[in-house]
Amino acid sequence: MSSNTIAVERPLTRDESRTLFSQTMGLVAATGAVFALGAYVARDVSPGWSLVFYLASFAALIGLSVVTQRGSQQLAVGLLFAFGFLIGAAVASTIAYYASADPQALWEAGGATALFVAGFGALGYGTRRDLSGLSRILTWALIVLIVFGLITVLVQIPNGSQIYAVLGLLIFAGLTSYDFQRLRRAQDIRSAPLLAASIFLDVLNVFLLFLSIGSGDKD
């Protein structure tokens, strides 16, 4: 087996699994902090820059996947933090709007997200049922949801944004469970940055979906 391959033949020991869990969740928390920094720094940037930041964050995510496969953990952590900062800058205008117009919605969405991720994360981490098949279905469902979201932008659909948010939460309930199961079943401790990126994306999407529901309720 090539030395660049990160997979190993044996499962992690219990201590190694605990270390991987703590490292991954620590990286999720750190990425959240870098995300907040990016959202703060770019709070006054023109919304037109959002697309640029989104594309740059996507490039960082691809780079993270590549360097993880090559076993370069330090570079992977750097790309993870770059991704967090860039995606924070990408949604900065949205965060800034709510911070100014309805700061309570941010706190409510944050609290709901914490409970949501904790609940479905614990479910995924603890279940013995293999969720890999479900994840494939949910990935396709997510693609369909994105298409639906684009349609709602072009065509006026009654309660379209609320339907989008509720369906999105259902999809991310499954994806969050799956990502935490991946964390429990991981066989290489160096995979922590990539696992952290997946879990952080779950957290971010759930937060934005709850924010959408909260704002819709107040319209």
Protein backbone atom coordinates (compact mmCIF):
# COMPACT_ATOMS: atom_id res chain seq x y z
CA MET A 1 0.00 0.00 0.00
CA SER A 2 1.25 3.49 -0.89
CA SER A 3 2.51 5.63 1.97
CA ASN A 4 0.23 8.41 0.68
CA THR A 5 -2.90 6.40 1.41
CA ILE A 6 -4.57 7.41 4.67
CA ALA A 7 -6.65 4.28 5.22
CA VAL A 8 -5.34 1.57 7.53
CA GLU A 9 -6.16 -2.09 7.79
CA ARG A 10 -7.08 -2.20 11.48
CA PRO A 11 -9.86 -0.32 13.28
CA LEU A 12 -8.90 2.40 15.73
CA THR A 13 -8.53 1.50 19.38
CA ARG A 14 -10.98 2.99 21.87
CA ASP A 15 -8.46 5.60 22.95
CA GLU A 16 -7.71 6.50 19.34
CA SER A 17 -11.43 6.81 18.61
CA ARG A 18 -11.84 9.15 21.57
CA THR A 19 -8.88 11.19 20.37
CA LEU A 20 -10.34 11.39 16.86
CA PHE A 21 -13.71 12.48 18.23
CA SER A 22 -12.21 15.19 20.44
CA GLN A 23 -9.92 16.44 17.65
CA THR A 24 -12.76 16.52 15.12
CA MET A 25 -15.17 18.37 17.39
CA GLY A 26 -12.40 20.73 18.45
CA LEU A 27 -11.77 21.52 14.78
CA VAL A 28 -15.50 22.05 14.22
CA ALA A 29 -15.54 24.58 17.06
CA ALA A 30 -12.39 26.30 15.76
CA THR A 31 -13.82 26.44 12.25
CA GLY A 32 -16.94 28.04 13.70
CA ALA A 33 -14.78 30.72 15.30
CA VAL A 34 -12.94 31.37 12.02
CA PHE A 35 -16.31 31.46 10.26
CA ALA A 36 -17.48 34.16 12.67
CA LEU A 37 -14.29 36.11 11.98
CA GLY A 38 -14.88 35.90 8.23
CA ALA A 39 -18.48 37.04 8.63
CA TYR A 40 -17.33 39.99 10.75
CA VAL A 41 -14.49 41.06 8.46
CA ALA A 42 -16.71 40.93 5.35
CA ARG A 43 -19.81 42.42 6.99
CA ASP A 44 -19.58 45.63 4.95
CA VAL A 45 -18.42 44.05 1.71
CA SER A 46 -20.74 44.33 -1.28
CA PRO A 47 -23.07 41.30 -1.60
CA GLY A 48 -21.68 40.86 -5.09
CA TRP A 49 -18.54 39.48 -3.51
CA SER A 50 -20.51 36.58 -2.00
CA LEU A 51 -20.18 34.50 -5.16
CA VAL A 52 -16.43 35.04 -5.20
CA PHE A 53 -16.14 33.93 -1.60
CA TYR A 54 -18.38 30.92 -2.24
CA LEU A 55 -16.21 29.79 -5.15
CA ALA A 56 -13.04 30.30 -3.15
CA SER A 57 -14.47 28.31 -0.22
CA PHE A 58 -15.43 25.51 -2.61
CA ALA A 59 -11.86 25.46 -3.95
CA ALA A 60 -10.52 25.26 -0.38
CA LEU A 61 -12.86 22.34 0.31
CA ILE A 62 -11.62 20.46 -2.75
CA GLY A 63 -8.04 21.15 -1.70
CA LEU A 64 -8.83 19.85 1.77
CA SER A 65 -10.08 16.58 0.33
CA VAL A 66 -6.97 16.19 -1.84
CA VAL A 67 -4.41 16.88 0.89
CA THR A 68 -6.27 14.61 3.33
CA GLN A 69 -5.91 11.76 0.86
CA ARG A 70 -2.18 12.49 0.77
CA GLY A 71 -1.91 12.47 4.55
CA SER A 72 -0.83 16.09 5.03
CA GLN A 73 -2.73 16.92 8.21
CA GLN A 74 -1.21 20.34 8.94
CA LEU A 75 -2.03 21.60 5.46
CA ALA A 76 -5.50 20.05 5.78
CA VAL A 77 -6.13 22.00 8.98
CA GLY A 78 -4.98 25.19 7.27
CA LEU A 79 -7.35 24.61 4.36
CA LEU A 80 -10.16 23.80 6.79
CA PHE A 81 -9.70 27.16 8.49
CA ALA A 82 -9.42 28.91 5.12
CA PHE A 83 -12.70 27.28 4.13
CA GLY A 84 -14.33 28.42 7.37
CA PHE A 85 -13.17 32.02 6.89
CA LEU A 86 -14.23 32.15 3.23
CA ILE A 87 -17.67 30.63 3.77
CA GLY A 88 -18.14 33.06 6.66
CA ALA A 89 -17.31 35.92 4.30
CA ALA A 90 -19.71 34.45 1.73
CA VAL A 91 -22.70 34.61 4.10
CA ALA A 92 -21.54 37.81 5.83
CA SER A 93 -24.25 39.95 4.23
CA THR A 94 -26.96 37.58 5.46
CA ILE A 95 -25.56 37.45 8.99
CA ALA A 96 -25.11 41.24 9.04
CA TYR A 97 -28.70 41.78 7.95
CA TYR A 98 -30.13 39.66 10.75
CA ALA A 99 -27.71 41.09 13.30
CA SER A 100 -29.09 44.52 12.46
CA ALA A 101 -32.76 43.82 11.74
CA ASP A 102 -33.58 40.82 13.94
CA PRO A 103 -30.73 39.71 16.22
CA GLN A 104 -33.08 37.48 18.20
CA ALA A 105 -33.54 35.34 15.10
CA LEU A 106 -29.80 34.60 15.12
CA TRP A 107 -29.88 33.43 18.72
CA GLU A 108 -33.00 31.34 18.17
CA ALA A 109 -31.54 29.72 15.05
CA GLY A 110 -28.27 29.07 16.89
CA GLY A 111 -30.03 27.39 19.81
CA ALA A 112 -32.23 25.29 17.53
CA THR A 113 -29.17 24.26 15.51
CA ALA A 114 -27.28 23.16 18.62
CA LEU A 115 -30.19 20.96 19.74
CA PHE A 116 -30.74 19.60 16.23
CA VAL A 117 -27.11 18.64 15.62
CA ALA A 118 -26.66 17.24 19.13
CA GLY A 119 -29.76 15.07 18.77
CA PHE A 120 -29.21 13.68 15.30
CA GLY A 121 -25.46 13.53 15.80
CA ALA A 122 -25.93 11.36 18.88
CA LEU A 123 -28.38 9.20 16.95
CA GLY A 124 -25.91 8.65 14.14
CA TYR A 125 -22.94 8.09 16.45
CA GLY A 126 -24.80 5.54 18.53
CA THR A 127 -26.77 3.58 15.94
CA ARG A 128 -25.49 0.24 14.68
CA ARG A 129 -27.48 0.48 11.47
CA ASP A 130 -25.37 1.25 8.40
CA LEU A 131 -26.48 4.67 7.11
CA SER A 132 -24.30 4.72 3.99
CA GLY A 133 -27.19 3.68 1.74
CA LEU A 134 -29.38 6.40 3.23
CA SER A 135 -26.64 8.97 2.65
CA ARG A 136 -26.62 8.26 -1.08
CA ILE A 137 -30.37 8.79 -1.27
CA LEU A 138 -30.11 12.00 0.75
CA THR A 139 -27.32 13.32 -1.46
CA TRP A 140 -29.57 13.01 -4.50
CA ALA A 141 -32.43 14.51 -2.49
CA LEU A 142 -30.18 17.46 -1.68
CA ILE A 143 -29.46 17.99 -5.38
CA VAL A 144 -33.20 17.96 -6.10
CA LEU A 145 -33.73 20.43 -3.26
CA ILE A 146 -31.13 22.79 -4.73
CA VAL A 147 -32.95 22.66 -8.07
CA PHE A 148 -36.22 23.37 -6.27
CA GLY A 149 -34.59 26.33 -4.54
CA LEU A 150 -33.51 27.73 -7.91
CA ILE A 151 -37.05 27.32 -9.21
CA THR A 152 -38.48 29.25 -6.25
CA VAL A 153 -36.15 32.12 -7.15
CA LEU A 154 -37.49 32.21 -10.72
CA VAL A 155 -41.12 31.26 -10.09
CA GLN A 156 -43.38 32.46 -7.29
CA ILE A 157 -44.42 29.36 -5.31
CA PRO A 158 -46.70 29.83 -2.27
CA ASN A 159 -44.67 29.17 0.91
CA GLY A 160 -41.81 28.03 -1.32
CA SER A 161 -39.08 29.17 1.07
CA GLN A 162 -40.73 27.45 4.02
CA ILE A 163 -41.16 24.21 2.07
CA TYR A 164 -37.51 24.43 1.03
CA ALA A 165 -36.37 24.94 4.64
CA VAL A 166 -38.45 22.09 6.09
CA LEU A 167 -37.34 19.64 3.41
CA GLY A 168 -33.76 20.79 3.89
CA LEU A 169 -33.93 20.08 7.61
CA LEU A 170 -35.26 16.59 6.93
CA ILE A 171 -32.37 15.92 4.55
CA PHE A 172 -29.75 17.31 6.92
CA ALA A 173 -31.16 15.31 9.79
CA GLY A 174 -30.09 12.22 7.88
CA LEU A 175 -26.81 13.66 6.66
CA THR A 176 -25.85 14.81 10.15
CA SER A 177 -26.52 11.34 11.52
CA TYR A 178 -24.46 9.81 8.73
CA ASP A 179 -21.50 12.15 9.24
CA PHE A 180 -21.38 11.34 12.95
CA GLN A 181 -21.52 7.63 12.10
CA ARG A 182 -18.56 8.20 9.76
CA LEU A 183 -16.77 9.80 12.69
CA ARG A 184 -17.36 6.73 14.86
CA ARG A 185 -16.32 4.32 12.10
CA ALA A 186 -13.28 6.25 10.84
CA GLN A 187 -10.08 4.21 10.64
CA ASP A 188 -7.49 6.97 10.42
CA ILE A 189 -7.01 9.68 13.01
CA ARG A 190 -5.62 11.97 10.31
CA SER A 191 -9.10 12.20 8.77
CA ALA A 192 -10.19 14.64 11.52
CA PRO A 193 -10.02 17.83 9.35
CA LEU A 194 -12.14 16.35 6.55
CA LEU A 195 -14.68 14.95 9.01
CA ALA A 196 -14.79 18.33 10.74
CA ALA A 197 -15.52 20.03 7.40
CA SER A 198 -18.46 17.70 6.76
CA ILE A 199 -19.92 18.22 10.21
CA PHE A 200 -19.38 21.99 10.03
CA LEU A 201 -21.23 22.09 6.71
CA ASP A 202 -24.13 20.24 8.36
CA VAL A 203 -24.15 22.77 11.20
CA LEU A 204 -23.99 25.75 8.86
CA ASN A 205 -26.76 24.54 6.57
CA VAL A 206 -29.04 23.67 9.48
CA PHE A 207 -28.40 27.11 10.99
CA LEU A 208 -29.28 28.89 7.74
CA LEU A 209 -32.40 26.76 7.31
CA PHE A 210 -33.62 27.54 10.82
CA LEU A 211 -32.86 31.20 10.18
CA SER A 212 -35.02 31.02 7.06
CA ILE A 213 -37.89 29.44 8.96
CA GLY A 214 -37.65 31.99 11.76
CA SER A 215 -37.70 34.93 9.38
CA GLY A 216 -40.63 33.43 7.47
CA ASP A 217 -42.66 33.06 10.66
CA LYS A 218 -42.25 36.79 11.33
CA ASP A 219 -43.25 37.97 7.87
